[in-house]
Each structure stands twice: as C-alpha cells, then as structure tokens.
Amino acid sequence: MGEGGERKVRVRVRLSGLLIFLGKVLALFTGFAFSVYAARALSKDEYGLWFLVMSLVSYFQVAQSIMPYWGGRDFARGIDVAKTLVAANLMIGAAMWLLFLSLSPLVFVRAVGDMLALMVASLFIPVYYVERSVGTAIGARWPHKLAPRDIIIDVVKLILVVALAAFTPLKLVGVMLAVLAGYVCFIGYGLAVLRPVLERRVEIGSVRRWLSMAWLPLYREAGGLLTSASDALLVGLLMSPSSLASYGVALSIAGTLRLTSSLYLALGPKIFSRGAVDGADVANAYKATLMFAVPILVGGMALAPDLIKIFGVRYLEGLPALVLLLLSAFMETLWGIPVTAVVASDKTDAERKVPFKSLLKSSMFRVHTLTYLSFAFMVLMLLALVPRYGLMGAGLALLLTSAFGSLTNLAFLPRTREAWRFLPARFMLECASASALMAALLSFMPRGGTLHTLALIALGAAAYFAVLAAISSEARGMMRALWGEVARRFL
C-alpha cells in the first residue's frame, strides 16, 4: 500500500468529538464577531459579492479531496504518508489556482466586476488544498488535536480585520486577506503537529496508488460542491445581491448547528483503526451529537429574529428561511453518523491494487452517487420555489432536499439502517424536553440589542444543561467523564 512505516493508532470517539466541539464553540464567538463586523463594515452589495466570489472559488476545490480521501484512510490505518499527502495535494492545488487565474479575466470578471477581488480570492485555492491535507492527516490519528483549528483561524482573521479597519476603510479585499492569514496560521500549527511522523521522502508509490483511484473522491467532491455552492449561486441569480446577503446571514446562523457534526469526527478514524463498526461507538456519537444539536435547533428557532438582528436589521429578509435551514441542518447532521459508519467500514481500498469494478460496487460509490440525486432535486426545488416564495422558498427547497436525501439513503444504503438501531431514543427525548423548557424560559425574556441576545444565549444554555443534568443520568455521566478528561489533561 505504501512504503511508509506502520504504527498502532488509538482513537477515542467521544473524548475527541467533545474536545473538537468545545474548540469550535469557543471559536464560535470570535467567528461570529468576525462575521458581524464584516457584515456591518461592508456595504450590503459588497457582502453579497463576498458570497458570490467564494461560490466561484468553491468550484475549484473539486479536486482537493483526491489525496486526503485515500491518504487519510491509509494514515488512520497506521501507514506514515503525511508528507506525501501534503505535498501531493499542494501540487494539485497549484494547478487549480493557475486554471482559476486563466479564466478570471475571460469569464469570471463579467459576473463579479472586480478583478482585484478575484485575484485575491484565487489565493484561497492552494491554501484550501494544503489546509485540507494537513487537517485530514491530524484528524486521522489525533482528532482531538484539531480542537484549536477554528480558534486559530478565527482569532487571527478577527484581529487582522479590526486592525485593517483601524487604519484604512475596510473593503472586501481586506476581509479576504484576513481570512487567508487565519488559514495560513493553522497550516503552520498543523505541520508542527505532524512533524514527528513526517516520512523522510515523498512516497511516489502511494501517490500513484491514490491517483489510480482518484475518480472516486473527485466524483464525491464534485457532487458535494455542486450541492453546497449552487443554492447560494441560484439565489443570487434568481433574486439580487441584497437578497443573497440576507440568505447568507441565515446560512451562517444555521451553520452553527452543523458544528455538531464535529462530535462524531473521530468515528471514522476509530472504525479505520479497529477494522469494524462497534455499536457502542455509534451510540456514543449519537448521544454527543444530540446533546448539543437539539438545543441549538430549538434555541435557534426561539431566538431567530434576535440572531439575525446581531448582523443588522437590514438582513431580516432572511428570517423566513432561517427556521427551515435549521431543520435542514439538523436532519443532515444526524444522517452523517450512519453514513460515516458505512463509508469507514468499507474495506474495498485496503488492498494494494483495487480494481475499478470493485470501487463501483463499494458503499463509498453508492453514498457519493446519492449526492448527485440530491443535487438534481435541490435545483428543481429552488427553481420552482424561489421565484414564487423568495428566501422562504430557498429554505424550504433545502429542507425538502434533506428529507429526500434521507429517503434515498434508506432505500439504497440498507446498512445505514443498522446504525440507526443505536439511536438512543430515550436520550433524544430527554434532550428535547430540556430544550423545550429552555425555549419556554426564553419566550418570557425581554428582547434587546446584541449583548442582550448573547446574554439570552448564555442563559438558555445554562438552563438547558441544568435541566438535562437533572433529568438524564446519561447526560450526568457524559458531563463527569468530559470534566475528568479535561481536568486530567489540561488542569
């Protein structure tokens, strides 16, 4: 499979997931502050242009998972291929960057109208490729060491964007440069983590092997990028940059719920290292995810107008879409657990040579094919609903797409049904009950400005965890275990 040495890999699903999630929660405040600062400092048209430019960049990320897809699986199985993974992905990123540069003056500038913004945005392409490979390698063996990722990125970009605004009128280019600097700093941290296991030379044999199977991750990435980027692009084309900005704010808020997917980030590496799915690991992934996803869903609905007002009242146009986007994010987050278990347990690529037909028959191929069905369904729903219902139609289109994806997974991936058997229904009900009491409390609270809304979020979180700890022995055990691990490792 590769010429690098093999090592024993030990991954703890719940601990790694909780540490990563806590890191994301801590970074949420700085990331949120950055988003709010940028939304208020830039004009509404500039903010909408930011989403448009980055949606163009996303199409050039289509090849960024070719090497990490296979290299991450090999690395999790104990084969030292980290340097090979990073170097190979950098080369692919450089090629895609040159392609973007060649197309910008011919095609993209007509849609964007700002050549300088396109040139700066192009730098995201090689940076994203390197960051993806570095993050994949760390997550394959030490998922908990990904916990500082968002903190590093968000703190750096917030400091820089505030500094830039203090000395010059903040423009879109300044915002993009600040974000780029954040990613570069994380890459530096990641390379420091990987340094002890970097092989002495790039393993060309591993690169050739990954390239021989490149079509599958390329197939997967293309489907994912089509689905993730096309909704914003279609909303911008069917409506206006101003409406797209409001939709972008709603997406940013709903994206908070998607952070809970990090709680089962270590499930895949654990299955790789063990070679089989353990029901206890799947159940722990469900419990950790539900413990945070349910209150974020309910709290987001209860405080929806107030959350949008943090960005500015001019973005309230996105309110009808927000609740629907939260429901969509919740559904997709939960479905990620059984899909992760199915993909990680597939051993088709464990051999040195993998026939093309074997990959076609694999669970990996079926999972990625369903993404294209969801994309086609989403486009049809957006075209049908956005012209008639505006941004609410966009939110409804994504919710219906999530439901459609759930049904197709059940129909074409029978093994996902096995993972659903480990869903802790009682614990889910306990989380829902605590969240309902939290929402009832928030409904009686007076509304105010940004600081008042943040105080309500803190109050709601405190009430939720207090109630959950009182009614759920499972939650109490998880809280004690997490505190014990944190105290042992960091205090």
Protein backbone atom coordinates (compact mmCIF):
# COMPACT_ATOMS: atom_id res chain seq x y z
CA MET A 1 0.00 0.00 0.00
CA GLY A 2 2.80 2.37 0.69
CA GLU A 3 6.40 2.33 1.73
CA GLY A 4 6.00 4.29 4.95
CA GLY A 5 6.19 2.53 8.29
CA GLU A 6 3.10 1.35 10.14
CA ARG A 7 2.07 2.47 13.63
CA LYS A 8 -0.63 1.43 16.07
CA VAL A 9 -3.41 4.03 16.15
CA ARG A 10 -5.71 4.60 19.15
CA VAL A 11 -8.72 6.90 18.78
CA ARG A 12 -11.34 7.80 21.41
CA VAL A 13 -14.61 8.77 19.77
CA ARG A 14 -16.48 10.66 22.49
CA LEU A 15 -13.48 12.45 24.02
CA SER A 16 -12.10 13.57 20.66
CA GLY A 17 -15.53 14.69 19.47
CA LEU A 18 -16.28 16.69 22.61
CA LEU A 19 -12.87 18.38 22.61
CA ILE A 20 -13.21 19.34 18.95
CA PHE A 21 -16.73 20.62 19.52
CA LEU A 22 -15.68 22.66 22.55
CA GLY A 23 -12.91 24.18 20.44
CA LYS A 24 -15.48 25.10 17.80
CA VAL A 25 -17.82 26.57 20.42
CA LEU A 26 -15.03 28.74 21.82
CA ALA A 27 -14.13 29.82 18.30
CA LEU A 28 -17.79 30.46 17.55
CA PHE A 29 -17.69 33.74 19.45
CA THR A 30 -14.67 35.07 17.57
CA GLY A 31 -16.01 33.73 14.28
CA PHE A 32 -19.39 35.26 14.97
CA ALA A 33 -17.76 38.54 15.89
CA PHE A 34 -15.83 38.49 12.62
CA SER A 35 -18.95 37.77 10.56
CA VAL A 36 -20.92 40.52 12.28
CA TYR A 37 -18.04 43.00 11.98
CA ALA A 38 -17.61 42.26 8.27
CA ALA A 39 -21.37 42.36 7.60
CA ARG A 40 -21.66 45.78 9.23
CA ALA A 41 -18.44 47.26 7.86
CA LEU A 42 -19.02 46.21 4.25
CA SER A 43 -21.88 47.50 2.17
CA LYS A 44 -24.72 45.05 1.62
CA ASP A 45 -23.69 44.67 -2.03
CA GLU A 46 -20.06 44.00 -1.04
CA TYR A 47 -21.19 41.40 1.47
CA GLY A 48 -23.28 39.71 -1.20
CA LEU A 49 -20.30 39.88 -3.57
CA TRP A 50 -18.24 38.05 -0.95
CA PHE A 51 -20.62 35.08 -1.13
CA LEU A 52 -20.65 35.21 -4.94
CA VAL A 53 -16.85 35.25 -5.29
CA MET A 54 -16.37 32.43 -2.79
CA SER A 55 -19.03 30.35 -4.53
CA LEU A 56 -16.89 30.61 -7.69
CA VAL A 57 -13.78 29.59 -5.76
CA SER A 58 -15.60 26.58 -4.35
CA TYR A 59 -15.90 25.02 -7.80
CA PHE A 60 -12.08 24.89 -7.98
CA GLN A 61 -11.98 22.92 -4.74
CA VAL A 62 -13.40 19.96 -6.63
CA ALA A 63 -10.07 18.08 -6.58
CA GLN A 64 -8.98 18.96 -3.04
CA SER A 65 -10.06 15.62 -1.57
CA ILE A 66 -8.41 13.27 -4.08
CA MET A 67 -5.30 12.76 -1.99
CA PRO A 68 -6.82 13.28 1.51
CA TYR A 69 -9.63 10.81 0.75
CA TRP A 70 -7.24 7.88 0.32
CA GLY A 71 -4.24 9.24 2.22
CA GLY A 72 -6.35 9.87 5.31
CA ARG A 73 -7.64 6.29 5.27
CA ASP A 74 -4.09 4.91 4.93
CA PHE A 75 -2.76 7.24 7.65
CA ALA A 76 -5.55 6.19 10.04
CA ARG A 77 -4.63 2.55 9.42
CA GLY A 78 -1.09 3.26 10.68
CA ILE A 79 0.85 3.94 7.46
CA ASP A 80 3.10 7.04 7.57
CA VAL A 81 2.17 9.04 4.48
CA ALA A 82 1.64 12.55 5.90
CA LYS A 83 4.38 14.32 3.92
CA THR A 84 3.31 12.55 0.75
CA LEU A 85 -0.29 13.62 1.34
CA VAL A 86 0.51 17.31 1.89
CA ALA A 87 2.98 17.59 -1.00
CA ALA A 88 0.70 15.85 -3.48
CA ASN A 89 -2.31 17.98 -2.57
CA LEU A 90 -0.25 21.17 -2.85
CA MET A 91 0.66 20.28 -6.43
CA ILE A 92 -2.97 19.72 -7.36
CA GLY A 93 -3.96 22.99 -5.66
CA ALA A 94 -1.34 24.90 -7.60
CA ALA A 95 -2.70 23.54 -10.87
CA MET A 96 -6.28 24.54 -9.98
CA TRP A 97 -5.07 28.00 -8.93
CA LEU A 98 -3.47 28.55 -12.34
CA LEU A 99 -6.70 27.44 -14.02
CA PHE A 100 -8.72 29.94 -11.98
CA LEU A 101 -6.30 32.74 -12.87
CA SER A 102 -6.54 31.94 -16.56
CA LEU A 103 -10.35 32.02 -16.53
CA SER A 104 -10.82 35.10 -14.35
CA PRO A 105 -10.15 37.85 -16.96
CA LEU A 106 -12.07 35.92 -19.63
CA VAL A 107 -15.17 34.74 -17.76
CA PHE A 108 -15.49 35.50 -14.06
CA VAL A 109 -14.85 39.25 -14.16
CA ARG A 110 -18.07 39.70 -16.14
CA ALA A 111 -20.12 38.25 -13.29
CA VAL A 112 -18.14 39.77 -10.42
CA GLY A 113 -16.96 43.06 -11.88
CA ASP A 114 -13.93 43.31 -9.56
CA MET A 115 -10.70 41.84 -10.92
CA LEU A 116 -8.67 42.61 -7.78
CA ALA A 117 -11.17 40.72 -5.63
CA LEU A 118 -10.88 37.75 -7.97
CA MET A 119 -7.08 37.78 -7.83
CA VAL A 120 -7.05 37.80 -4.03
CA ALA A 121 -9.79 35.17 -3.89
CA SER A 122 -7.68 32.90 -6.11
CA LEU A 123 -5.18 32.52 -3.26
CA PHE A 124 -7.77 30.60 -1.29
CA ILE A 125 -7.44 27.70 -3.73
CA PRO A 126 -3.88 26.49 -2.91
CA VAL A 127 -4.37 27.41 0.75
CA TYR A 128 -7.55 25.33 0.98
CA TYR A 129 -5.80 22.35 -0.65
CA VAL A 130 -2.92 22.40 1.83
CA GLU A 131 -5.22 23.01 4.79
CA ARG A 132 -7.42 20.08 3.80
CA SER A 133 -4.49 17.66 3.63
CA VAL A 134 -2.98 18.85 6.91
CA GLY A 135 -6.32 18.69 8.72
CA THR A 136 -7.10 15.25 7.30
CA ALA A 137 -3.78 13.83 8.49
CA ILE A 138 -4.23 15.19 12.02
CA GLY A 139 -7.83 14.01 12.20
CA ALA A 140 -6.89 10.51 11.07
CA ARG A 141 -4.74 9.83 14.15
CA TRP A 142 -5.21 12.59 16.70
CA PRO A 143 -8.68 14.08 16.14
CA HIS A 144 -8.55 15.95 19.46
CA LYS A 145 -5.59 17.99 18.16
CA LEU A 146 -7.96 19.56 15.63
CA ALA A 147 -9.71 21.32 18.52
CA PRO A 148 -7.68 24.58 18.15
CA ARG A 149 -8.30 24.77 14.37
CA ASP A 150 -11.20 27.19 14.34
CA ILE A 151 -9.84 29.18 17.27
CA ILE A 152 -6.59 29.82 15.41
CA ILE A 153 -8.30 30.75 12.15
CA ASP A 154 -10.99 32.95 13.69
CA VAL A 155 -8.80 34.80 16.20
CA VAL A 156 -6.22 35.67 13.55
CA LYS A 157 -8.75 36.90 10.99
CA LEU A 158 -10.67 38.91 13.60
CA ILE A 159 -7.53 40.65 14.87
CA LEU A 160 -6.40 41.46 11.33
CA VAL A 161 -9.76 42.71 10.08
CA VAL A 162 -10.10 45.03 13.10
CA ALA A 163 -6.53 46.26 12.59
CA LEU A 164 -7.15 46.89 8.89
CA ALA A 165 -10.35 48.80 9.65
CA ALA A 166 -8.47 50.98 12.15
CA PHE A 167 -6.00 52.25 9.55
CA THR A 168 -7.94 52.14 6.29
CA PRO A 169 -11.55 51.91 5.11
CA LEU A 170 -12.39 48.21 5.26
CA LYS A 171 -13.02 46.73 1.85
CA LEU A 172 -13.75 43.24 0.58
CA VAL A 173 -10.09 42.61 -0.31
CA GLY A 174 -9.04 43.38 3.28
CA VAL A 175 -11.57 40.88 4.63
CA MET A 176 -10.31 38.16 2.29
CA LEU A 177 -6.67 38.78 3.22
CA ALA A 178 -7.54 38.50 6.90
CA VAL A 179 -9.27 35.13 6.33
CA LEU A 180 -6.32 33.87 4.28
CA ALA A 181 -3.93 34.74 7.10
CA GLY A 182 -6.02 32.71 9.54
CA TYR A 183 -5.81 29.61 7.38
CA VAL A 184 -2.06 30.02 6.87
CA CYS A 185 -1.54 30.17 10.64
CA PHE A 186 -3.48 26.93 11.11
CA ILE A 187 -1.37 25.27 8.43
CA GLY A 188 1.73 26.24 10.42
CA TYR A 189 0.24 24.71 13.58
CA GLY A 190 -0.75 21.56 11.71
CA LEU A 191 2.68 21.00 10.22
CA ALA A 192 4.18 21.33 13.70
CA VAL A 193 1.82 18.60 14.96
CA LEU A 194 2.68 16.31 12.05
CA ARG A 195 6.43 16.90 12.14
CA PRO A 196 7.31 13.83 14.31
CA VAL A 197 5.66 11.43 11.85
CA LEU A 198 6.65 13.00 8.54
CA GLU A 199 8.35 10.39 6.39
CA ARG A 200 11.82 11.19 5.06
CA ARG A 201 10.71 11.37 1.44
CA VAL A 202 7.57 11.56 -0.63
CA GLU A 203 6.29 8.06 -1.40
CA ILE A 204 5.67 8.11 -5.15
CA GLY A 205 4.16 4.64 -4.94
CA SER A 206 1.43 5.92 -2.63
CA VAL A 207 0.74 8.89 -4.91
CA ARG A 208 0.36 6.59 -7.92
CA ARG A 209 -1.97 4.32 -5.99
CA TRP A 210 -4.17 7.24 -4.86
CA LEU A 211 -4.22 8.68 -8.37
CA SER A 212 -5.32 5.32 -9.77
CA MET A 213 -8.43 5.67 -7.61
CA ALA A 214 -8.72 9.45 -7.99
CA TRP A 215 -12.00 9.28 -9.85
CA LEU A 216 -13.96 8.27 -6.72
CA PRO A 217 -13.03 11.21 -4.43
CA LEU A 218 -13.29 13.52 -7.45
CA TYR A 219 -16.76 12.15 -8.07
CA ARG A 220 -17.62 12.69 -4.42
CA GLU A 221 -16.19 16.21 -4.20
CA ALA A 222 -17.91 17.36 -7.38
CA GLY A 223 -21.28 16.24 -6.04
CA GLY A 224 -20.70 17.86 -2.66
CA LEU A 225 -19.57 21.17 -4.13
CA LEU A 226 -22.47 21.26 -6.58
CA THR A 227 -24.90 20.78 -3.71
CA SER A 228 -23.23 23.19 -1.26
CA ALA A 229 -22.49 26.06 -3.62
CA SER A 230 -25.37 26.02 -6.07
CA ASP A 231 -28.07 27.14 -3.66
CA ALA A 232 -26.31 30.45 -2.99
CA LEU A 233 -25.47 30.88 -6.67
CA LEU A 234 -29.06 30.24 -7.76
CA VAL A 235 -30.48 32.55 -5.09
CA GLY A 236 -28.12 35.28 -6.27
CA LEU A 237 -29.12 34.78 -9.90
CA LEU A 238 -32.86 34.42 -9.26
CA MET A 239 -33.07 37.33 -6.82
CA SER A 240 -30.46 40.04 -6.07
CA PRO A 241 -27.10 40.50 -4.30
CA SER A 242 -29.02 42.15 -1.46
CA SER A 243 -31.29 39.12 -1.02
CA LEU A 244 -28.28 36.82 -1.33
CA ALA A 245 -26.64 38.70 1.56
CA SER A 246 -29.71 38.07 3.75
CA TYR A 247 -29.72 34.42 2.72
CA GLY A 248 -26.01 34.24 3.54
CA VAL A 249 -26.68 35.52 7.06
CA ALA A 250 -29.36 32.86 7.56
CA LEU A 251 -26.95 30.21 6.27
CA SER A 252 -24.24 31.42 8.66
CA ILE A 253 -26.57 31.13 11.66
CA ALA A 254 -27.85 27.70 10.61
CA GLY A 255 -24.24 26.65 10.08
CA THR A 256 -23.80 26.85 13.86
CA LEU A 257 -25.84 23.66 14.16
CA ARG A 258 -23.64 21.92 11.60
CA LEU A 259 -20.73 22.39 14.01
CA THR A 260 -22.15 19.49 15.99
CA SER A 261 -21.06 17.15 13.19
CA SER A 262 -17.57 17.51 14.69
CA LEU A 263 -18.82 15.47 17.64
CA TYR A 264 -18.59 12.31 15.54
CA LEU A 265 -15.48 13.33 13.58
CA ALA A 266 -13.46 10.63 15.33
CA LEU A 267 -15.93 7.86 14.46
CA GLY A 268 -14.40 7.26 11.02
CA PRO A 269 -10.76 7.02 12.23
CA LYS A 270 -11.87 4.72 15.06
CA ILE A 271 -13.51 2.34 12.57
CA PHE A 272 -10.43 2.51 10.30
CA SER A 273 -8.06 1.64 13.15
CA ARG A 274 -10.30 -1.14 14.53
CA GLY A 275 -11.41 -2.53 11.18
CA ALA A 276 -15.07 -2.88 12.19
CA VAL A 277 -18.05 -0.90 13.49
CA ASP A 278 -18.69 -1.03 17.23
CA GLY A 279 -22.30 -0.30 18.24
CA ALA A 280 -21.12 1.41 21.42
CA ASP A 281 -19.08 3.91 19.39
CA VAL A 282 -22.06 4.69 17.15
CA ALA A 283 -24.33 5.15 20.19
CA ASN A 284 -21.78 7.48 21.81
CA ALA A 285 -21.61 9.51 18.61
CA TYR A 286 -25.40 9.87 18.60
CA LYS A 287 -25.53 10.87 22.27
CA ALA A 288 -22.81 13.50 22.00
CA THR A 289 -24.40 14.98 18.86
CA LEU A 290 -27.96 15.05 20.22
CA MET A 291 -26.79 16.63 23.46
CA PHE A 292 -25.81 19.78 21.56
CA ALA A 293 -27.71 19.67 18.25
CA VAL A 294 -31.19 19.55 19.80
CA PRO A 295 -30.82 22.71 21.96
CA ILE A 296 -29.16 24.60 19.10
CA LEU A 297 -32.11 23.73 16.86
CA VAL A 298 -34.75 24.73 19.42
CA GLY A 299 -32.84 27.77 20.67
CA GLY A 300 -32.17 28.96 17.14
CA MET A 301 -35.89 28.86 16.39
CA ALA A 302 -36.76 30.67 19.62
CA LEU A 303 -34.25 33.47 19.05
CA ALA A 304 -34.31 33.58 15.23
CA PRO A 305 -35.16 37.32 14.79
CA ASP A 306 -32.72 38.35 17.51
CA LEU A 307 -29.90 36.31 15.99
CA ILE A 308 -30.38 37.96 12.60
CA LYS A 309 -30.51 41.42 14.19
CA ILE A 310 -26.99 40.84 15.52
CA PHE A 311 -25.85 41.14 11.90
CA GLY A 312 -28.17 44.08 11.32
CA VAL A 313 -31.90 44.65 10.86
CA ARG A 314 -31.32 45.00 7.11
CA TYR A 315 -30.84 41.22 6.94
CA LEU A 316 -34.25 40.34 8.41
CA GLU A 317 -35.37 39.41 4.91
CA GLY A 318 -33.69 36.07 5.62
CA LEU A 319 -35.88 35.29 8.68
CA PRO A 320 -38.41 33.07 6.87
CA ALA A 321 -35.56 30.90 5.57
CA LEU A 322 -33.71 30.57 8.88
CA VAL A 323 -36.05 28.17 10.68
CA LEU A 324 -36.22 25.92 7.61
CA LEU A 325 -32.43 25.96 7.24
CA LEU A 326 -32.03 24.98 10.90
CA LEU A 327 -34.29 21.97 10.40
CA SER A 328 -32.37 21.00 7.27
CA ALA A 329 -29.03 21.25 9.10
CA PHE A 330 -30.33 19.12 11.99
CA MET A 331 -31.54 16.38 9.65
CA GLU A 332 -28.28 16.26 7.69
CA THR A 333 -26.16 16.28 10.84
CA LEU A 334 -27.89 13.24 12.31
CA TRP A 335 -27.73 11.38 9.00
CA GLY A 336 -23.99 11.94 8.90
CA ILE A 337 -23.46 9.34 11.63
CA PRO A 338 -24.80 6.23 9.84
CA VAL A 339 -23.27 7.36 6.55
CA THR A 340 -19.88 7.81 8.24
CA ALA A 341 -20.12 4.32 9.70
CA VAL A 342 -20.94 2.78 6.31
CA VAL A 343 -18.15 4.57 4.42
CA ALA A 344 -15.49 3.97 7.09
CA SER A 345 -16.27 0.26 7.39
CA ASP A 346 -15.83 -0.29 3.64
CA LYS A 347 -12.54 -2.18 3.14
CA THR A 348 -12.51 -2.12 -0.65
CA ASP A 349 -9.37 0.07 -0.69
CA ALA A 350 -7.42 -1.97 1.86
CA GLU A 351 -5.58 -3.90 -0.86
CA ARG A 352 -2.55 -2.66 -2.78
CA LYS A 353 -4.39 -2.81 -6.11
CA VAL A 354 -8.10 -2.02 -6.28
CA PRO A 355 -9.97 -2.89 -9.49
CA PHE A 356 -12.25 -0.26 -10.97
CA LYS A 357 -15.25 -2.59 -10.76
CA SER A 358 -14.65 -3.15 -7.06
CA LEU A 359 -14.93 0.56 -6.37
CA LEU A 360 -18.11 0.73 -8.45
CA LYS A 361 -19.65 -1.90 -6.20
CA SER A 362 -18.48 -0.26 -2.98
CA SER A 363 -20.60 1.54 -0.40
CA MET A 364 -18.43 4.60 -0.97
CA PHE A 365 -19.56 4.88 -4.58
CA ARG A 366 -23.22 4.46 -3.67
CA VAL A 367 -23.03 7.14 -0.97
CA HIS A 368 -21.47 9.65 -3.35
CA THR A 369 -23.91 8.84 -6.16
CA LEU A 370 -26.83 9.75 -3.92
CA THR A 371 -25.35 13.24 -3.59
CA TYR A 372 -26.00 13.83 -7.28
CA LEU A 373 -29.61 12.78 -6.89
CA SER A 374 -29.95 15.29 -4.04
CA PHE A 375 -28.32 18.00 -6.16
CA ALA A 376 -30.75 17.48 -9.04
CA PHE A 377 -33.68 17.51 -6.62
CA MET A 378 -32.41 20.70 -4.94
CA VAL A 379 -32.03 22.58 -8.23
CA LEU A 380 -35.57 21.65 -9.26
CA MET A 381 -36.94 22.78 -5.89
CA LEU A 382 -35.02 26.08 -5.97
CA LEU A 383 -36.18 26.86 -9.50
CA ALA A 384 -39.77 26.05 -8.53
CA LEU A 385 -39.94 27.72 -5.12
CA VAL A 386 -37.60 30.75 -5.09
CA PRO A 387 -39.39 32.76 -7.84
CA ARG A 388 -42.70 32.26 -6.03
CA TYR A 389 -41.75 32.38 -2.34
CA GLY A 390 -38.41 34.20 -2.27
CA LEU A 391 -35.96 33.31 0.50
CA MET A 392 -38.56 31.22 2.31
CA GLY A 393 -38.74 29.14 -0.85
CA ALA A 394 -34.96 28.71 -0.76
CA GLY A 395 -35.10 27.46 2.82
CA LEU A 396 -37.99 25.13 2.00
CA ALA A 397 -36.07 23.78 -1.00
CA LEU A 398 -33.09 22.84 1.20
CA LEU A 399 -35.32 21.23 3.83
CA LEU A 400 -37.10 19.15 1.20
CA THR A 401 -33.70 18.19 -0.25
CA SER A 402 -32.55 16.97 3.18
CA ALA A 403 -35.70 14.87 3.51
CA PHE A 404 -35.20 13.49 0.00
CA GLY A 405 -31.59 12.59 0.86
CA SER A 406 -32.75 10.73 3.97
CA LEU A 407 -35.21 8.65 1.98
CA THR A 408 -32.68 7.77 -0.72
CA ASN A 409 -30.12 6.75 1.91
CA LEU A 410 -32.63 4.38 3.48
CA ALA A 411 -33.57 2.96 0.09
CA PHE A 412 -30.10 2.49 -1.43
CA LEU A 413 -27.90 2.03 1.66
CA PRO A 414 -29.51 -0.74 3.71
CA ARG A 415 -26.52 -0.83 6.09
CA THR A 416 -27.41 2.65 7.39
CA ARG A 417 -30.47 1.06 8.98
CA GLU A 418 -28.13 -0.95 11.21
CA ALA A 419 -26.55 2.24 12.54
CA TRP A 420 -29.97 3.77 13.25
CA ARG A 421 -30.61 0.87 15.64
CA PHE A 422 -28.16 2.51 18.04
CA LEU A 423 -30.02 5.84 18.12
CA PRO A 424 -30.76 6.48 21.84
CA ALA A 425 -34.45 7.41 21.63
CA ARG A 426 -34.82 7.99 25.37
CA PHE A 427 -31.83 10.30 25.50
CA MET A 428 -33.14 12.19 22.47
CA LEU A 429 -36.45 12.71 24.27
CA GLU A 430 -34.62 13.97 27.36
CA CYS A 431 -32.68 16.47 25.24
CA ALA A 432 -35.91 17.61 23.56
CA SER A 433 -37.65 18.04 26.94
CA ALA A 434 -34.80 20.14 28.35
CA SER A 435 -34.74 22.21 25.14
CA ALA A 436 -38.49 22.83 25.31
CA LEU A 437 -38.17 24.16 28.86
CA MET A 438 -35.28 26.35 27.71
CA ALA A 439 -37.38 27.78 24.87
CA ALA A 440 -40.27 28.44 27.27
CA LEU A 441 -37.94 30.38 29.56
CA LEU A 442 -36.55 32.42 26.66
CA SER A 443 -40.06 33.31 25.47
CA PHE A 444 -40.64 35.25 28.70
CA MET A 445 -37.36 37.18 28.50
CA PRO A 446 -37.34 40.77 27.17
CA ARG A 447 -35.51 41.41 23.90
CA GLY A 448 -32.70 43.89 23.34
CA GLY A 449 -29.53 44.54 21.37
CA THR A 450 -26.57 42.33 20.54
CA LEU A 451 -25.20 41.99 24.07
CA HIS A 452 -28.68 41.24 25.38
CA THR A 453 -29.12 38.49 22.79
CA LEU A 454 -25.76 36.97 23.70
CA ALA A 455 -26.82 37.04 27.37
CA LEU A 456 -30.03 35.22 26.42
CA ILE A 457 -27.98 32.56 24.60
CA ALA A 458 -25.85 32.06 27.74
CA LEU A 459 -28.95 31.94 29.94
CA GLY A 460 -30.62 29.42 27.64
CA ALA A 461 -27.53 27.20 27.57
CA ALA A 462 -27.23 27.28 31.36
CA ALA A 463 -30.92 26.43 31.79
CA TYR A 464 -30.75 23.60 29.25
CA PHE A 465 -27.76 21.86 30.79
CA ALA A 466 -29.13 22.30 34.31
CA VAL A 467 -32.43 20.68 33.35
CA LEU A 468 -30.74 17.96 31.30
CA ALA A 469 -28.41 17.09 34.17
CA ALA A 470 -31.40 16.87 36.49
CA ILE A 471 -33.46 14.53 34.29
CA SER A 472 -30.81 12.44 32.50
CA SER A 473 -28.37 10.10 34.22
CA GLU A 474 -26.72 9.56 30.82
CA ALA A 475 -26.02 13.28 30.47
CA ARG A 476 -24.64 13.46 34.00
CA GLY A 477 -22.27 10.63 33.22
CA MET A 478 -21.10 12.31 30.00
CA MET A 479 -20.52 15.61 31.80
CA ARG A 480 -18.50 13.92 34.57
CA ALA A 481 -16.44 11.97 32.05
CA LEU A 482 -15.70 15.08 29.99
CA TRP A 483 -14.72 17.11 33.03
CA GLY A 484 -12.48 14.31 34.25
CA GLU A 485 -10.69 14.08 30.92
CA VAL A 486 -10.25 17.84 30.64
CA ALA A 487 -9.00 18.12 34.21
CA ARG A 488 -6.57 15.24 33.75
CA ARG A 489 -5.15 16.56 30.50
CA PHE A 490 -5.17 20.33 30.92
CA LEU A 491 -5.51 21.28 34.61
